[in-house]
Amino acid sequence: MKRTLFAALLAGVALSSQAAEPTKREAKDFITRLDAAVERGNAQILSGKIDPVARRKQAQDLTALQNEGEKFGVLFTPFHKCNEASISASSSWQGLLGNNKQQFDNGIESYDKERQACLEALD
């Protein structure tokens, strides 16, 4: 019984370690879409015409990208900065919606740095 359980456990570990890691192409596509979403948000801000529906849609888009970004992992994975960039972009927008200037500013600053690091990881 113990051997069977141990063998099943080892098989499960082997299968999970063979999970496909994101490719450079996936990371490049992701950061391109994230950039486009951030630019749409910037355009809304600069136009001065941010209606509630557009704000909500932007928040949903950034949250969806943040959720998708999880596949790039956290520390010690090749494209973890792509994930961190999506978190910062979403956090920044939430700061804007909540009238939290510090959160917005910190999010934008972090996004710029993490976006650049993500792009460098693609080279």
Protein backbone atom coordinates (compact mmCIF):
# COMPACT_ATOMS: atom_id res chain seq x y z
CA MET A 1 0.00 0.00 0.00
CA LYS A 2 2.77 2.42 0.91
CA ARG A 3 4.65 1.60 -2.30
CA THR A 4 1.55 2.22 -4.42
CA LEU A 5 0.89 5.54 -2.73
CA PHE A 6 4.54 6.53 -3.10
CA ALA A 7 4.57 5.55 -6.80
CA ALA A 8 1.38 7.55 -7.42
CA LEU A 9 2.87 10.53 -5.65
CA LEU A 10 6.04 10.34 -7.75
CA ALA A 11 4.00 10.06 -10.94
CA GLY A 12 2.01 13.15 -9.97
CA VAL A 13 5.18 15.11 -9.30
CA ALA A 14 6.64 14.01 -12.64
CA LEU A 15 3.54 15.12 -14.51
CA SER A 16 3.39 18.49 -12.79
CA SER A 17 7.05 19.18 -13.49
CA GLN A 18 6.42 18.62 -17.20
CA ALA A 19 3.86 21.42 -17.38
CA ALA A 20 4.66 23.64 -20.31
CA GLU A 21 6.36 26.87 -19.38
CA PRO A 22 5.28 29.97 -21.25
CA THR A 23 7.27 30.69 -24.39
CA LYS A 24 8.88 33.94 -25.47
CA ARG A 25 6.14 34.31 -28.07
CA GLU A 26 3.45 34.04 -25.38
CA ALA A 27 5.25 36.57 -23.18
CA LYS A 28 5.69 38.98 -26.10
CA ASP A 29 2.01 38.66 -27.04
CA PHE A 30 1.02 39.19 -23.42
CA ILE A 31 3.14 42.32 -22.86
CA THR A 32 1.87 43.73 -26.18
CA ARG A 33 -1.73 43.30 -25.06
CA LEU A 34 -0.94 44.69 -21.62
CA ASP A 35 0.72 47.74 -23.20
CA ALA A 36 -2.35 48.28 -25.38
CA ALA A 37 -4.64 48.11 -22.34
CA VAL A 38 -2.46 50.57 -20.42
CA GLU A 39 -2.44 52.93 -23.41
CA ARG A 40 -6.25 52.76 -23.63
CA GLY A 41 -6.39 53.77 -19.97
CA ASN A 42 -3.92 56.59 -20.55
CA ALA A 43 -6.00 57.84 -23.47
CA GLN A 44 -9.08 57.90 -21.24
CA ILE A 45 -7.21 59.87 -18.58
CA LEU A 46 -5.75 62.37 -21.04
CA SER A 47 -9.09 62.93 -22.76
CA GLY A 48 -10.68 63.92 -19.47
CA LYS A 49 -13.75 61.92 -20.50
CA ILE A 50 -13.73 58.81 -18.37
CA ASP A 51 -17.28 57.60 -18.07
CA PRO A 52 -18.16 54.98 -15.44
CA VAL A 53 -18.70 52.22 -18.00
CA ALA A 54 -15.29 52.81 -19.61
CA ARG A 55 -13.59 52.89 -16.19
CA ARG A 56 -15.22 49.62 -15.20
CA LYS A 57 -14.33 48.00 -18.55
CA GLN A 58 -10.71 49.13 -18.17
CA ALA A 59 -10.57 47.69 -14.65
CA GLN A 60 -12.01 44.39 -15.92
CA ASP A 61 -9.52 44.24 -18.79
CA LEU A 62 -6.56 44.87 -16.50
CA THR A 63 -7.83 42.33 -13.96
CA ALA A 64 -8.20 39.72 -16.71
CA LEU A 65 -4.64 40.41 -17.85
CA GLN A 66 -3.42 40.22 -14.26
CA ASN A 67 -5.07 36.81 -13.91
CA GLU A 68 -3.55 35.68 -17.19
CA GLY A 69 -0.16 36.98 -16.10
CA GLU A 70 -0.06 34.43 -13.31
CA LYS A 71 1.06 31.83 -15.85
CA PHE A 72 4.39 33.65 -16.07
CA GLY A 73 5.03 32.82 -12.45
CA VAL A 74 6.78 34.62 -9.69
CA LEU A 75 10.45 34.83 -8.74
CA PHE A 76 12.91 32.54 -10.47
CA THR A 77 10.90 32.12 -13.67
CA PRO A 78 12.11 33.64 -16.93
CA PHE A 79 9.18 35.99 -17.49
CA HIS A 80 8.06 36.76 -13.94
CA LYS A 81 8.44 40.50 -14.58
CA CYS A 82 5.63 40.21 -17.16
CA ASN A 83 3.37 38.99 -14.35
CA GLU A 84 4.55 41.76 -12.05
CA ALA A 85 3.91 44.37 -14.75
CA SER A 86 0.29 43.23 -15.00
CA ILE A 87 -0.12 43.45 -11.23
CA SER A 88 1.30 46.98 -11.19
CA ALA A 89 -0.88 48.12 -14.11
CA SER A 90 -4.01 46.83 -12.40
CA SER A 91 -2.98 48.32 -9.06
CA SER A 92 -2.33 51.67 -10.68
CA TRP A 93 -5.78 51.76 -12.27
CA GLN A 94 -7.37 50.81 -8.95
CA GLY A 95 -5.51 53.71 -7.35
CA LEU A 96 -6.91 56.04 -9.99
CA LEU A 97 -10.45 54.78 -9.41
CA GLY A 98 -10.05 55.13 -5.66
CA ASN A 99 -8.52 58.61 -5.90
CA ASN A 100 -5.36 57.27 -4.31
CA LYS A 101 -2.62 59.31 -5.97
CA GLN A 102 0.22 57.48 -4.24
CA GLN A 103 -1.06 54.06 -5.34
CA PHE A 104 -1.54 55.35 -8.87
CA ASP A 105 1.93 56.91 -9.04
CA ASN A 106 3.65 53.87 -7.49
CA GLY A 107 1.79 51.54 -9.84
CA ILE A 108 2.77 53.51 -12.93
CA GLU A 109 6.40 53.71 -11.83
CA SER A 110 6.52 49.98 -11.05
CA TYR A 111 4.75 49.12 -14.29
CA ASP A 112 7.33 51.00 -16.36
CA LYS A 113 10.25 49.23 -14.64
CA GLU A 114 8.67 45.77 -14.75
CA ARG A 115 7.55 46.20 -18.36
CA GLN A 116 11.13 47.04 -19.32
CA ALA A 117 12.45 44.03 -17.40
CA CYS A 118 9.89 41.81 -19.14
CA LEU A 119 10.99 43.10 -22.54
CA GLU A 120 14.64 42.52 -21.62
CA ALA A 121 13.81 38.92 -20.69
CA LEU A 122 12.48 38.45 -24.21
CA ASP A 123 15.86 39.30 -25.76
